[in-house]
Full PDB file with SEQRES, HELIX, SHEET, SSBOND, CRYST1, ORIGX, SCALE, CONECT and MASTER records, all heavy atoms in Angstrom:
SEQRES   1 A   43  GLY ARG ARG TYR ALA THR LEU MET PRO ALA LEU ARG ARG          
SEQRES   2 A   43  ILE ALA THR ASP GLU SER ASN ASN TRP ASN LYS MET ILE          
SEQRES   3 A   43  ARG SER ILE LEU ASP GLU THR ALA PRO GLU CYS LEU GLU          
SEQRES   4 A   43  LYS PHE LEU ALA                                              
HELIX    1 AA1 MET A    8  THR A   16  1                                   9    
HELIX    2 AA2 ASN A   21  GLU A   32  1                                  12    
HELIX    3 AA3 PRO A   35  LEU A   42  1                                   8    
CRYST1    1.000    1.000    1.000  90.00  90.00  90.00 P 1           1          
ORIGX1      1.000000  0.000000  0.000000        0.00000                         
ORIGX2      0.000000  1.000000  0.000000        0.00000                         
ORIGX3      0.000000  0.000000  1.000000        0.00000                         
SCALE1      1.000000  0.000000  0.000000        0.00000                         
SCALE2      0.000000  1.000000  0.000000        0.00000                         
SCALE3      0.000000  0.000000  1.000000        0.00000                         
ATOM      1  N   GLY A   1      -0.788   5.048  12.060  1.00  0.00           N  
ATOM      2  CA  GLY A   1      -0.386   4.208  10.942  1.00  0.00           C  
ATOM      3  C   GLY A   1      -1.577   3.569  10.248  1.00  0.00           C  
ATOM      4  O   GLY A   1      -1.569   3.364   9.043  1.00  0.00           O  
ATOM      5  N   ARG A   2      -2.623   3.230  10.998  1.00  0.00           N  
ATOM      6  CA  ARG A   2      -3.827   2.661  10.388  1.00  0.00           C  
ATOM      7  C   ARG A   2      -4.618   3.721   9.636  1.00  0.00           C  
ATOM      8  O   ARG A   2      -5.140   3.466   8.557  1.00  0.00           O  
ATOM      9  CB  ARG A   2      -4.709   2.033  11.467  1.00  0.00           C  
ATOM     10  CG  ARG A   2      -4.109   0.778  12.107  1.00  0.00           C  
ATOM     11  CD  ARG A   2      -5.122   0.064  12.981  1.00  0.00           C  
ATOM     12  NE  ARG A   2      -5.584   0.902  14.081  1.00  0.00           N  
ATOM     13  CZ  ARG A   2      -4.953   1.004  15.251  1.00  0.00           C  
ATOM     14  NH1 ARG A   2      -3.826   0.352  15.454  1.00  0.00           N  
ATOM     15  NH2 ARG A   2      -5.443   1.779  16.215  1.00  0.00           N  
ATOM     16  N   ARG A   3      -4.671   4.911  10.230  1.00  0.00           N  
ATOM     17  CA  ARG A   3      -5.439   5.989   9.588  1.00  0.00           C  
ATOM     18  C   ARG A   3      -4.764   6.491   8.315  1.00  0.00           C  
ATOM     19  O   ARG A   3      -5.428   6.821   7.341  1.00  0.00           O  
ATOM     20  CB  ARG A   3      -5.611   7.146  10.576  1.00  0.00           C  
ATOM     21  CG  ARG A   3      -6.493   8.271  10.050  1.00  0.00           C  
ATOM     22  CD  ARG A   3      -6.733   9.317  11.113  1.00  0.00           C  
ATOM     23  NE  ARG A   3      -7.594  10.374  10.633  1.00  0.00           N  
ATOM     24  CZ  ARG A   3      -7.915  11.454  11.336  1.00  0.00           C  
ATOM     25  NH1 ARG A   3      -7.473  11.584  12.576  1.00  0.00           N  
ATOM     26  NH2 ARG A   3      -8.695  12.388  10.827  1.00  0.00           N  
ATOM     27  N   TYR A   4      -3.443   6.544   8.322  1.00  0.00           N  
ATOM     28  CA  TYR A   4      -2.696   7.045   7.163  1.00  0.00           C  
ATOM     29  C   TYR A   4      -1.830   5.927   6.580  1.00  0.00           C  
ATOM     30  O   TYR A   4      -0.653   6.106   6.306  1.00  0.00           O  
ATOM     31  CB  TYR A   4      -1.831   8.233   7.581  1.00  0.00           C  
ATOM     32  CG  TYR A   4      -2.631   9.383   8.153  1.00  0.00           C  
ATOM     33  CD1 TYR A   4      -2.650   9.640   9.525  1.00  0.00           C  
ATOM     34  CD2 TYR A   4      -3.377  10.205   7.317  1.00  0.00           C  
ATOM     35  CE1 TYR A   4      -3.391  10.689  10.053  1.00  0.00           C  
ATOM     36  CE2 TYR A   4      -4.113  11.265   7.834  1.00  0.00           C  
ATOM     37  CZ  TYR A   4      -4.116  11.496   9.201  1.00  0.00           C  
ATOM     38  OH  TYR A   4      -4.847  12.532   9.715  1.00  0.00           O  
ATOM     39  N   ALA A   5      -2.449   4.765   6.385  1.00  0.00           N  
ATOM     40  CA  ALA A   5      -1.710   3.572   5.971  1.00  0.00           C  
ATOM     41  C   ALA A   5      -0.956   3.774   4.666  1.00  0.00           C  
ATOM     42  O   ALA A   5       0.165   3.284   4.506  1.00  0.00           O  
ATOM     43  CB  ALA A   5      -2.682   2.396   5.843  1.00  0.00           C  
ATOM     44  N   THR A   6      -1.545   4.513   3.732  1.00  0.00           N  
ATOM     45  CA  THR A   6      -0.883   4.684   2.438  1.00  0.00           C  
ATOM     46  C   THR A   6       0.328   5.597   2.528  1.00  0.00           C  
ATOM     47  O   THR A   6       1.224   5.543   1.681  1.00  0.00           O  
ATOM     48  CB  THR A   6      -1.865   5.259   1.403  1.00  0.00           C  
ATOM     49  OG1 THR A   6      -2.384   6.505   1.885  1.00  0.00           O  
ATOM     50  CG2 THR A   6      -3.010   4.296   1.156  1.00  0.00           C  
ATOM     51  N   LEU A   7       0.363   6.466   3.552  1.00  0.00           N  
ATOM     52  CA  LEU A   7       1.477   7.406   3.698  1.00  0.00           C  
ATOM     53  C   LEU A   7       2.642   6.843   4.510  1.00  0.00           C  
ATOM     54  O   LEU A   7       3.786   7.277   4.339  1.00  0.00           O  
ATOM     55  CB  LEU A   7       0.992   8.691   4.375  1.00  0.00           C  
ATOM     56  CG  LEU A   7       0.090   9.620   3.568  1.00  0.00           C  
ATOM     57  CD1 LEU A   7      -0.345  10.788   4.437  1.00  0.00           C  
ATOM     58  CD2 LEU A   7       0.798  10.130   2.325  1.00  0.00           C  
ATOM     59  N   MET A   8       2.366   5.904   5.387  1.00  0.00           N  
ATOM     60  CA  MET A   8       3.380   5.476   6.346  1.00  0.00           C  
ATOM     61  C   MET A   8       4.634   4.885   5.712  1.00  0.00           C  
ATOM     62  O   MET A   8       5.751   5.183   6.168  1.00  0.00           O  
ATOM     63  CB  MET A   8       2.776   4.480   7.347  1.00  0.00           C  
ATOM     64  CG  MET A   8       1.707   5.084   8.252  1.00  0.00           C  
ATOM     65  SD  MET A   8       2.129   6.682   9.001  1.00  0.00           S  
ATOM     66  CE  MET A   8       3.459   6.205  10.097  1.00  0.00           C  
ATOM     67  N   PRO A   9       4.552   4.060   4.665  1.00  0.00           N  
ATOM     68  CA  PRO A   9       5.795   3.555   4.064  1.00  0.00           C  
ATOM     69  C   PRO A   9       6.702   4.676   3.561  1.00  0.00           C  
ATOM     70  O   PRO A   9       7.923   4.635   3.753  1.00  0.00           O  
ATOM     71  CB  PRO A   9       5.299   2.674   2.912  1.00  0.00           C  
ATOM     72  CG  PRO A   9       3.931   2.248   3.333  1.00  0.00           C  
ATOM     73  CD  PRO A   9       3.369   3.428   4.052  1.00  0.00           C  
ATOM     74  N   ALA A  10       6.101   5.690   2.920  1.00  0.00           N  
ATOM     75  CA  ALA A  10       6.893   6.818   2.426  1.00  0.00           C  
ATOM     76  C   ALA A  10       7.494   7.608   3.587  1.00  0.00           C  
ATOM     77  O   ALA A  10       8.667   8.008   3.545  1.00  0.00           O  
ATOM     78  CB  ALA A  10       6.036   7.726   1.556  1.00  0.00           C  
ATOM     79  N   LEU A  11       6.710   7.836   4.646  1.00  0.00           N  
ATOM     80  CA  LEU A  11       7.218   8.568   5.806  1.00  0.00           C  
ATOM     81  C   LEU A  11       8.344   7.806   6.493  1.00  0.00           C  
ATOM     82  O   LEU A  11       9.342   8.397   6.918  1.00  0.00           O  
ATOM     83  CB  LEU A  11       6.083   8.828   6.799  1.00  0.00           C  
ATOM     84  CG  LEU A  11       4.998   9.811   6.343  1.00  0.00           C  
ATOM     85  CD1 LEU A  11       3.886   9.883   7.380  1.00  0.00           C  
ATOM     86  CD2 LEU A  11       5.582  11.183   6.093  1.00  0.00           C  
ATOM     87  N   ARG A  12       8.194   6.482   6.575  1.00  0.00           N  
ATOM     88  CA  ARG A  12       9.231   5.667   7.195  1.00  0.00           C  
ATOM     89  C   ARG A  12      10.526   5.724   6.371  1.00  0.00           C  
ATOM     90  O   ARG A  12      11.633   5.828   6.902  1.00  0.00           O  
ATOM     91  CB  ARG A  12       8.753   4.223   7.328  1.00  0.00           C  
ATOM     92  CG  ARG A  12       9.600   3.365   8.259  1.00  0.00           C  
ATOM     93  CD  ARG A  12       9.088   1.938   8.333  1.00  0.00           C  
ATOM     94  NE  ARG A  12       7.678   1.889   8.688  1.00  0.00           N  
ATOM     95  CZ  ARG A  12       6.705   1.496   7.846  1.00  0.00           C  
ATOM     96  NH1 ARG A  12       7.003   1.144   6.611  1.00  0.00           N  
ATOM     97  NH2 ARG A  12       5.453   1.466   8.244  1.00  0.00           N  
ATOM     98  N   ARG A  13      10.372   5.677   5.044  1.00  0.00           N  
ATOM     99  CA  ARG A  13      11.541   5.749   4.156  1.00  0.00           C  
ATOM    100  C   ARG A  13      12.242   7.104   4.285  1.00  0.00           C  
ATOM    101  O   ARG A  13      13.470   7.185   4.352  1.00  0.00           O  
ATOM    102  CB  ARG A  13      11.091   5.507   2.718  1.00  0.00           C  
ATOM    103  CG  ARG A  13      12.217   5.411   1.704  1.00  0.00           C  
ATOM    104  CD  ARG A  13      11.709   4.869   0.378  1.00  0.00           C  
ATOM    105  NE  ARG A  13      10.636   5.677  -0.198  1.00  0.00           N  
ATOM    106  CZ  ARG A  13       9.363   5.298  -0.264  1.00  0.00           C  
ATOM    107  NH1 ARG A  13       8.987   4.142   0.249  1.00  0.00           N  
ATOM    108  NH2 ARG A  13       8.464   6.089  -0.821  1.00  0.00           N  
ATOM    109  N   ILE A  14      11.465   8.164   4.326  1.00  0.00           N  
ATOM    110  CA  ILE A  14      12.046   9.511   4.479  1.00  0.00           C  
ATOM    111  C   ILE A  14      12.776   9.639   5.804  1.00  0.00           C  
ATOM    112  O   ILE A  14      13.887  10.156   5.882  1.00  0.00           O  
ATOM    113  CB  ILE A  14      10.933  10.580   4.365  1.00  0.00           C  
ATOM    114  CG1 ILE A  14      10.408  10.651   2.919  1.00  0.00           C  
ATOM    115  CG2 ILE A  14      11.454  11.946   4.817  1.00  0.00           C  
ATOM    116  CD1 ILE A  14       9.141  11.484   2.785  1.00  0.00           C  
ATOM    117  N   ALA A  15      12.158   9.151   6.875  1.00  0.00           N  
ATOM    118  CA  ALA A  15      12.719   9.323   8.218  1.00  0.00           C  
ATOM    119  C   ALA A  15      13.996   8.521   8.436  1.00  0.00           C  
ATOM    120  O   ALA A  15      14.889   8.949   9.183  1.00  0.00           O  
ATOM    121  CB  ALA A  15      11.680   8.927   9.269  1.00  0.00           C  
ATOM    122  N   THR A  16      14.113   7.374   7.774  1.00  0.00           N  
ATOM    123  CA  THR A  16      15.246   6.483   8.059  1.00  0.00           C  
ATOM    124  C   THR A  16      16.394   6.591   7.054  1.00  0.00           C  
ATOM    125  O   THR A  16      17.496   6.135   7.331  1.00  0.00           O  
ATOM    126  CB  THR A  16      14.768   5.021   8.098  1.00  0.00           C  
ATOM    127  OG1 THR A  16      14.123   4.693   6.848  1.00  0.00           O  
ATOM    128  CG2 THR A  16      13.778   4.807   9.232  1.00  0.00           C  
ATOM    129  N   ASP A  17      16.135   7.176   5.893  1.00  0.00           N  
ATOM    130  CA  ASP A  17      17.168   7.246   4.845  1.00  0.00           C  
ATOM    131  C   ASP A  17      17.752   8.654   4.783  1.00  0.00           C  
ATOM    132  O   ASP A  17      17.146   9.564   4.227  1.00  0.00           O  
ATOM    133  CB  ASP A  17      16.556   6.865   3.498  1.00  0.00           C  
ATOM    134  CG  ASP A  17      17.576   6.897   2.357  1.00  0.00           C  
ATOM    135  OD1 ASP A  17      18.780   7.134   2.639  1.00  0.00           O  
ATOM    136  OD2 ASP A  17      17.168   6.697   1.197  1.00  0.00           O  
ATOM    137  N   GLU A  18      18.936   8.833   5.332  1.00  0.00           N  
ATOM    138  CA  GLU A  18      19.541  10.173   5.379  1.00  0.00           C  
ATOM    139  C   GLU A  18      19.978  10.675   4.007  1.00  0.00           C  
ATOM    140  O   GLU A  18      20.293  11.855   3.856  1.00  0.00           O  
ATOM    141  CB  GLU A  18      20.719  10.180   6.353  1.00  0.00           C  
ATOM    142  CG  GLU A  18      20.285   9.985   7.799  1.00  0.00           C  
ATOM    143  CD  GLU A  18      21.399  10.265   8.783  1.00  0.00           C  
ATOM    144  OE1 GLU A  18      22.517  10.616   8.347  1.00  0.00           O  
ATOM    145  OE2 GLU A  18      21.154  10.143   9.998  1.00  0.00           O  
ATOM    146  N   SER A  19      20.007   9.796   3.007  1.00  0.00           N  
ATOM    147  CA  SER A  19      20.345  10.241   1.648  1.00  0.00           C  
ATOM    148  C   SER A  19      19.104  10.700   0.888  1.00  0.00           C  
ATOM    149  O   SER A  19      19.215  11.282  -0.199  1.00  0.00           O  
ATOM    150  CB  SER A  19      21.025   9.108   0.878  1.00  0.00           C  
ATOM    151  OG  SER A  19      20.120   8.035   0.649  1.00  0.00           O  
ATOM    152  N   ASN A  20      17.911  10.464   1.441  1.00  0.00           N  
ATOM    153  CA  ASN A  20      16.664  10.865   0.806  1.00  0.00           C  
ATOM    154  C   ASN A  20      16.569  12.391   0.757  1.00  0.00           C  
ATOM    155  O   ASN A  20      16.882  13.080   1.736  1.00  0.00           O  
ATOM    156  CB  ASN A  20      15.488  10.281   1.597  1.00  0.00           C  
ATOM    157  CG  ASN A  20      14.144  10.657   1.005  1.00  0.00           C  
ATOM    158  OD1 ASN A  20      13.639  11.751   1.246  1.00  0.00           O  
ATOM    159  ND2 ASN A  20      13.564   9.748   0.245  1.00  0.00           N  
ATOM    160  N   ASN A  21      16.133  12.944  -0.366  1.00  0.00           N  
ATOM    161  CA  ASN A  21      16.102  14.405  -0.514  1.00  0.00           C  
ATOM    162  C   ASN A  21      15.169  15.069   0.494  1.00  0.00           C  
ATOM    163  O   ASN A  21      15.449  16.161   1.011  1.00  0.00           O  
ATOM    164  CB  ASN A  21      15.717  14.810  -1.939  1.00  0.00           C  
ATOM    165  CG  ASN A  21      14.340  14.349  -2.360  1.00  0.00           C  
ATOM    166  OD1 ASN A  21      14.033  13.165  -2.298  1.00  0.00           O  
ATOM    167  ND2 ASN A  21      13.504  15.265  -2.811  1.00  0.00           N  
ATOM    168  N   TRP A  22      14.025  14.413   0.837  1.00  0.00           N  
ATOM    169  CA  TRP A  22      13.102  15.000   1.816  1.00  0.00           C  
ATOM    170  C   TRP A  22      13.693  14.939   3.220  1.00  0.00           C  
ATOM    171  O   TRP A  22      13.491  15.845   4.031  1.00  0.00           O  
ATOM    172  CB  TRP A  22      11.758  14.281   1.766  1.00  0.00           C  
ATOM    173  CG  TRP A  22      11.051  14.488   0.471  1.00  0.00           C  
ATOM    174  CD1 TRP A  22      10.944  13.604  -0.560  1.00  0.00           C  
ATOM    175  CD2 TRP A  22      10.388  15.684   0.037  1.00  0.00           C  
ATOM    176  NE1 TRP A  22      10.248  14.173  -1.601  1.00  0.00           N  
ATOM    177  CE2 TRP A  22       9.885  15.435  -1.256  1.00  0.00           C  
ATOM    178  CE3 TRP A  22      10.157  16.926   0.620  1.00  0.00           C  
ATOM    179  CZ2 TRP A  22       9.171  16.399  -1.981  1.00  0.00           C  
ATOM    180  CZ3 TRP A  22       9.450  17.884  -0.091  1.00  0.00           C  
ATOM    181  CH2 TRP A  22       8.970  17.622  -1.370  1.00  0.00           C  
ATOM    182  N   ASN A  23      14.440  13.871   3.524  1.00  0.00           N  
ATOM    183  CA  ASN A  23      15.131  13.780   4.809  1.00  0.00           C  
ATOM    184  C   ASN A  23      16.134  14.914   4.946  1.00  0.00           C  
ATOM    185  O   ASN A  23      16.215  15.580   5.995  1.00  0.00           O  
ATOM    186  CB  ASN A  23      15.822  12.419   4.914  1.00  0.00           C  
ATOM    187  CG  ASN A  23      16.490  12.183   6.262  1.00  0.00           C  
ATOM    188  OD1 ASN A  23      17.451  12.864   6.612  1.00  0.00           O  
ATOM    189  ND2 ASN A  23      16.009  11.206   7.011  1.00  0.00           N  
ATOM    190  N   LYS A  24      16.887  15.153   3.869  1.00  0.00           N  
ATOM    191  CA  LYS A  24      17.867  16.245   3.883  1.00  0.00           C  
ATOM    192  C   LYS A  24      17.190  17.590   4.101  1.00  0.00           C  
ATOM    193  O   LYS A  24      17.685  18.435   4.859  1.00  0.00           O  
ATOM    194  CB  LYS A  24      18.651  16.266   2.571  1.00  0.00           C  
ATOM    195  CG  LYS A  24      19.587  15.091   2.363  1.00  0.00           C  
ATOM    196  CD  LYS A  24      20.275  15.207   1.007  1.00  0.00           C  
ATOM    197  CE  LYS A  24      21.205  14.034   0.749  1.00  0.00           C  
ATOM    198  NZ  LYS A  24      21.826  14.126  -0.606  1.00  0.00           N  
ATOM    199  N   MET A  25      16.059  17.791   3.431  1.00  0.00           N  
ATOM    200  CA  MET A  25      15.362  19.062   3.564  1.00  0.00           C  
ATOM    201  C   MET A  25      14.846  19.262   4.990  1.00  0.00           C  
ATOM    202  O   MET A  25      15.013  20.331   5.589  1.00  0.00           O  
ATOM    203  CB  MET A  25      14.199  19.144   2.577  1.00  0.00           C  
ATOM    204  CG  MET A  25      13.499  20.499   2.589  1.00  0.00           C  
ATOM    205  SD  MET A  25      12.091  20.601   1.465  1.00  0.00           S  
ATOM    206  CE  MET A  25      10.842  19.733   2.401  1.00  0.00           C  
ATOM    207  N   ILE A  26      14.237  18.221   5.559  1.00  0.00           N  
ATOM    208  CA  ILE A  26      13.694  18.327   6.916  1.00  0.00           C  
ATOM    209  C   ILE A  26      14.804  18.614   7.919  1.00  0.00           C  
ATOM    210  O   ILE A  26      14.669  19.484   8.795  1.00  0.00           O  
ATOM    211  CB  ILE A  26      12.940  17.038   7.290  1.00  0.00           C  
ATOM    212  CG1 ILE A  26      11.665  16.921   6.447  1.00  0.00           C  
ATOM    213  CG2 ILE A  26      12.594  17.026   8.778  1.00  0.00           C  
ATOM    214  CD1 ILE A  26      10.997  15.562   6.538  1.00  0.00           C  
ATOM    215  N   ARG A  27      15.915  17.886   7.807  1.00  0.00           N  
ATOM    216  CA  ARG A  27      17.012  18.100   8.757  1.00  0.00           C  
ATOM    217  C   ARG A  27      17.616  19.490   8.623  1.00  0.00           C  
ATOM    218  O   ARG A  27      17.968  20.127   9.625  1.00  0.00           O  
ATOM    219  CB  ARG A  27      18.081  17.020   8.583  1.00  0.00           C  
ATOM    220  CG  ARG A  27      17.662  15.672   9.177  1.00  0.00           C  
ATOM    221  CD  ARG A  27      18.793  14.654   9.204  1.00  0.00           C  
ATOM    222  NE  ARG A  27      19.096  14.152   7.883  1.00  0.00           N  
ATOM    223  CZ  ARG A  27      20.240  14.355   7.237  1.00  0.00           C  
ATOM    224  NH1 ARG A  27      21.202  15.046   7.807  1.00  0.00           N  
ATOM    225  NH2 ARG A  27      20.435  13.843   6.034  1.00  0.00           N  
ATOM    226  N   SER A  28      17.739  19.991   7.400  1.00  0.00           N  
ATOM    227  CA  SER A  28      18.291  21.338   7.231  1.00  0.00           C  
ATOM    228  C   SER A  28      17.344  22.394   7.786  1.00  0.00           C  
ATOM    229  O   SER A  28      17.777  23.388   8.376  1.00  0.00           O  
ATOM    230  CB  SER A  28      18.600  21.613   5.754  1.00  0.00           C  
ATOM    231  OG  SER A  28      17.417  21.679   4.983  1.00  0.00           O  
ATOM    232  N   ILE A  29      16.042  22.175   7.625  1.00  0.00           N  
ATOM    233  CA  ILE A  29      15.058  23.115   8.190  1.00  0.00           C  
ATOM    234  C   ILE A  29      15.167  23.128   9.714  1.00  0.00           C  
ATOM    235  O   ILE A  29      15.200  24.193  10.345  1.00  0.00           O  
ATOM    236  CB  ILE A  29      13.634  22.735   7.746  1.00  0.00           C  
ATOM    237  CG1 ILE A  29      13.451  23.047   6.260  1.00  0.00           C  
ATOM    238  CG2 ILE A  29      12.589  23.480   8.577  1.00  0.00           C  
ATOM    239  CD1 ILE A  29      12.141  22.533   5.687  1.00  0.00           C  
ATOM    240  N   LEU A  30      15.233  21.946  10.313  1.00  0.00           N  
ATOM    241  CA  LEU A  30      15.310  21.861  11.769  1.00  0.00           C  
ATOM    242  C   LEU A  30      16.619  22.444  12.297  1.00  0.00           C  
ATOM    243  O   LEU A  30      16.649  23.067  13.373  1.00  0.00           O  
ATOM    244  CB  LEU A  30      15.173  20.406  12.220  1.00  0.00           C  
ATOM    245  CG  LEU A  30      13.832  19.729  11.916  1.00  0.00           C  
ATOM    246  CD1 LEU A  30      13.858  18.274  12.361  1.00  0.00           C  
ATOM    247  CD2 LEU A  30      12.676  20.471  12.566  1.00  0.00           C  
ATOM    248  N   ASP A  31      17.695  22.272  11.557  1.00  0.00           N  
ATOM    249  CA  ASP A  31      19.009  22.750  11.997  1.00  0.00           C  
ATOM    250  C   ASP A  31      19.191  24.260  11.824  1.00  0.00           C  
ATOM    251  O   ASP A  31      19.852  24.906  12.635  1.00  0.00           O  
ATOM    252  CB  ASP A  31      20.132  22.038  11.226  1.00  0.00           C  
ATOM    253  CG  ASP A  31      20.280  20.578  11.613  1.00  0.00           C  
ATOM    254  OD1 ASP A  31      19.786  20.210  12.692  1.00  0.00           O  
ATOM    255  OD2 ASP A  31      20.874  19.813  10.832  1.00  0.00           O  
ATOM    256  N   GLU A  32      18.612  24.820  10.763  1.00  0.00           N  
ATOM    257  CA  GLU A  32      18.962  26.180  10.355  1.00  0.00           C  
ATOM    258  C   GLU A  32      17.874  27.221  10.594  1.00  0.00           C  
ATOM    259  O   GLU A  32      18.143  28.421  10.490  1.00  0.00           O  
ATOM    260  CB  GLU A  32      19.342  26.186   8.863  1.00  0.00           C  
ATOM    261  CG  GLU A  32      20.546  25.308   8.544  1.00  0.00           C  
ATOM    262  CD  GLU A  32      20.774  25.146   7.053  1.00  0.00           C  
ATOM    263  OE1 GLU A  32      20.171  25.928   6.273  1.00  0.00           O  
ATOM    264  OE2 GLU A  32      21.562  24.262   6.655  1.00  0.00           O  
ATOM    265  N   THR A  33      16.669  26.796  10.920  1.00  0.00           N  
ATOM    266  CA  THR A  33      15.574  27.757  11.107  1.00  0.00           C  
ATOM    267  C   THR A  33      15.495  28.192  12.565  1.00  0.00           C  
ATOM    268  O   THR A  33      15.610  27.374  13.480  1.00  0.00           O  
ATOM    269  CB  THR A  33      14.238  27.134  10.676  1.00  0.00           C  
ATOM    270  OG1 THR A  33      14.358  26.641   9.343  1.00  0.00           O  
ATOM    271  CG2 THR A  33      13.121  28.166  10.727  1.00  0.00           C  
ATOM    272  N   ALA A  34      15.291  29.483  12.772  1.00  0.00           N  
ATOM    273  CA  ALA A  34      15.169  30.018  14.124  1.00  0.00           C  
ATOM    274  C   ALA A  34      13.998  29.353  14.852  1.00  0.00           C  
ATOM    275  O   ALA A  34      12.933  29.126  14.252  1.00  0.00           O  
ATOM    276  CB  ALA A  34      14.949  31.525  14.071  1.00  0.00           C  
ATOM    277  N   PRO A  35      14.158  29.027  16.144  1.00  0.00           N  
ATOM    278  CA  PRO A  35      13.071  28.375  16.898  1.00  0.00           C  
ATOM    279  C   PRO A  35      11.760  29.148  16.857  1.00  0.00           C  
ATOM    280  O   PRO A  35      10.686  28.548  16.773  1.00  0.00           O  
ATOM    281  CB  PRO A  35      13.633  28.309  18.323  1.00  0.00           C  
ATOM    282  CG  PRO A  35      15.115  28.344  18.159  1.00  0.00           C  
ATOM    283  CD  PRO A  35      15.371  29.211  16.964  1.00  0.00           C  
ATOM    284  N   GLU A  36      11.849  30.489  16.908  1.00  0.00           N  
ATOM    285  CA  GLU A  36      10.629  31.303  16.878  1.00  0.00           C  
ATOM    286  C   GLU A  36       9.840  31.037  15.585  1.00  0.00           C  
ATOM    287  O   GLU A  36       8.611  30.963  15.589  1.00  0.00           O  
ATOM    288  CB  GLU A  36      10.974  32.798  16.947  1.00  0.00           C  
ATOM    289  CG  GLU A  36      11.741  33.205  18.192  1.00  0.00           C  
ATOM    290  CD  GLU A  36      13.251  33.217  17.976  1.00  0.00           C  
ATOM    291  OE1 GLU A  36      13.769  32.306  17.277  1.00  0.00           O  
ATOM    292  OE2 GLU A  36      13.909  34.131  18.495  1.00  0.00           O  
ATOM    293  N   CYS A  37      10.566  30.908  14.471  1.00  0.00           N  
ATOM    294  CA  CYS A  37       9.932  30.703  13.171  1.00  0.00           C  
ATOM    295  C   CYS A  37       9.410  29.276  13.023  1.00  0.00           C  
ATOM    296  O   CYS A  37       8.322  29.058  12.477  1.00  0.00           O  
ATOM    297  CB  CYS A  37      10.914  31.025  12.050  1.00  0.00           C  
ATOM    298  SG  CYS A  37      11.486  32.747  12.055  1.00  0.00           S  
ATOM    299  N   LEU A  38      10.170  28.310  13.516  1.00  0.00           N  
ATOM    300  CA  LEU A  38       9.732  26.913  13.452  1.00  0.00           C  
ATOM    301  C   LEU A  38       8.440  26.699  14.228  1.00  0.00           C  
ATOM    302  O   LEU A  38       7.496  26.055  13.745  1.00  0.00           O  
ATOM    303  CB  LEU A  38      10.820  25.994  14.028  1.00  0.00           C  
ATOM    304  CG  LEU A  38      11.845  25.388  13.079  1.00  0.00           C  
ATOM    305  CD1 LEU A  38      12.819  24.521  13.871  1.00  0.00           C  
ATOM    306  CD2 LEU A  38      11.174  24.568  11.983  1.00  0.00           C  
ATOM    307  N   GLU A  39       8.394  27.231  15.431  1.00  0.00           N  
ATOM    308  CA  GLU A  39       7.231  26.998  16.285  1.00  0.00           C  
ATOM    309  C   GLU A  39       5.987  27.713  15.758  1.00  0.00           C  
ATOM    310  O   GLU A  39       4.886  27.175  15.816  1.00  0.00           O  
ATOM    311  CB  GLU A  39       7.562  27.408  17.724  1.00  0.00           C  
ATOM    312  CG  GLU A  39       8.634  26.503  18.331  1.00  0.00           C  
ATOM    313  CD  GLU A  39       8.886  26.747  19.813  1.00  0.00           C  
ATOM    314  OE1 GLU A  39       8.160  27.568  20.417  1.00  0.00           O  
ATOM    315  OE2 GLU A  39       9.796  26.102  20.369  1.00  0.00           O  
ATOM    316  N   LYS A  40       6.175  28.914  15.209  1.00  0.00           N  
ATOM    317  CA  LYS A  40       5.026  29.623  14.637  1.00  0.00           C  
ATOM    318  C   LYS A  40       4.536  28.926  13.370  1.00  0.00           C  
ATOM    319  O   LYS A  40       3.322  28.875  13.101  1.00  0.00           O  
ATOM    320  CB  LYS A  40       5.401  31.079  14.332  1.00  0.00           C  
ATOM    321  CG  LYS A  40       5.356  31.990  15.540  1.00  0.00           C  
ATOM    322  CD  LYS A  40       3.923  32.159  16.042  1.00  0.00           C  
ATOM    323  CE  LYS A  40       3.821  33.100  17.240  1.00  0.00           C  
ATOM    324  NZ  LYS A  40       4.197  34.464  16.922  1.00  0.00           N  
ATOM    325  N   PHE A  41       5.453  28.382  12.585  1.00  0.00           N  
ATOM    326  CA  PHE A  41       5.051  27.649  11.384  1.00  0.00           C  
ATOM    327  C   PHE A  41       4.196  26.449  11.767  1.00  0.00           C  
ATOM    328  O   PHE A  41       3.148  26.193  11.173  1.00  0.00           O  
ATOM    329  CB  PHE A  41       6.288  27.187  10.607  1.00  0.00           C  
ATOM    330  CG  PHE A  41       5.961  26.350   9.392  1.00  0.00           C  
ATOM    331  CD1 PHE A  41       5.533  26.944   8.222  1.00  0.00           C  
ATOM    332  CD2 PHE A  41       6.063  24.967   9.443  1.00  0.00           C  
ATOM    333  CE1 PHE A  41       5.199  26.173   7.106  1.00  0.00           C  
ATOM    334  CE2 PHE A  41       5.739  24.189   8.342  1.00  0.00           C  
ATOM    335  CZ  PHE A  41       5.315  24.800   7.163  1.00  0.00           C  
ATOM    336  N   LEU A  42       4.632  25.727  12.775  1.00  0.00           N  
ATOM    337  CA  LEU A  42       3.878  24.546  13.216  1.00  0.00           C  
ATOM    338  C   LEU A  42       2.504  24.944  13.748  1.00  0.00           C  
ATOM    339  O   LEU A  42       1.480  24.345  13.381  1.00  0.00           O  
ATOM    340  CB  LEU A  42       4.661  23.798  14.290  1.00  0.00           C  
ATOM    341  CG  LEU A  42       3.971  22.567  14.888  1.00  0.00           C  
ATOM    342  CD1 LEU A  42       3.723  21.513  13.816  1.00  0.00           C  
ATOM    343  CD2 LEU A  42       4.813  21.994  16.022  1.00  0.00           C  
ATOM    344  N   ALA A  43       2.469  25.953  14.613  1.00  0.00           N  
ATOM    345  CA  ALA A  43       1.208  26.322  15.265  1.00  0.00           C  
ATOM    346  C   ALA A  43       0.242  27.024  14.316  1.00  0.00           C  
ATOM    347  O   ALA A  43      -0.941  26.672  14.239  1.00  0.00           O  
ATOM    348  CB  ALA A  43       1.497  27.203  16.474  1.00  0.00           C  
TER     349      ALA A  43                                                      
MASTER        0    0    0    3    0    0    0    6  348    1    0    4          
END                                                                             
């Protein structure tokens, strides 16, 4: 939070507001993407 202080308010808002468009996108990606594809994307 100290290193990315300018980003944290936006990240907190996205993570806690289920009506936020980025929250919706993240949850749909996590729900609908195959685990093999999710893990390779991250790595």
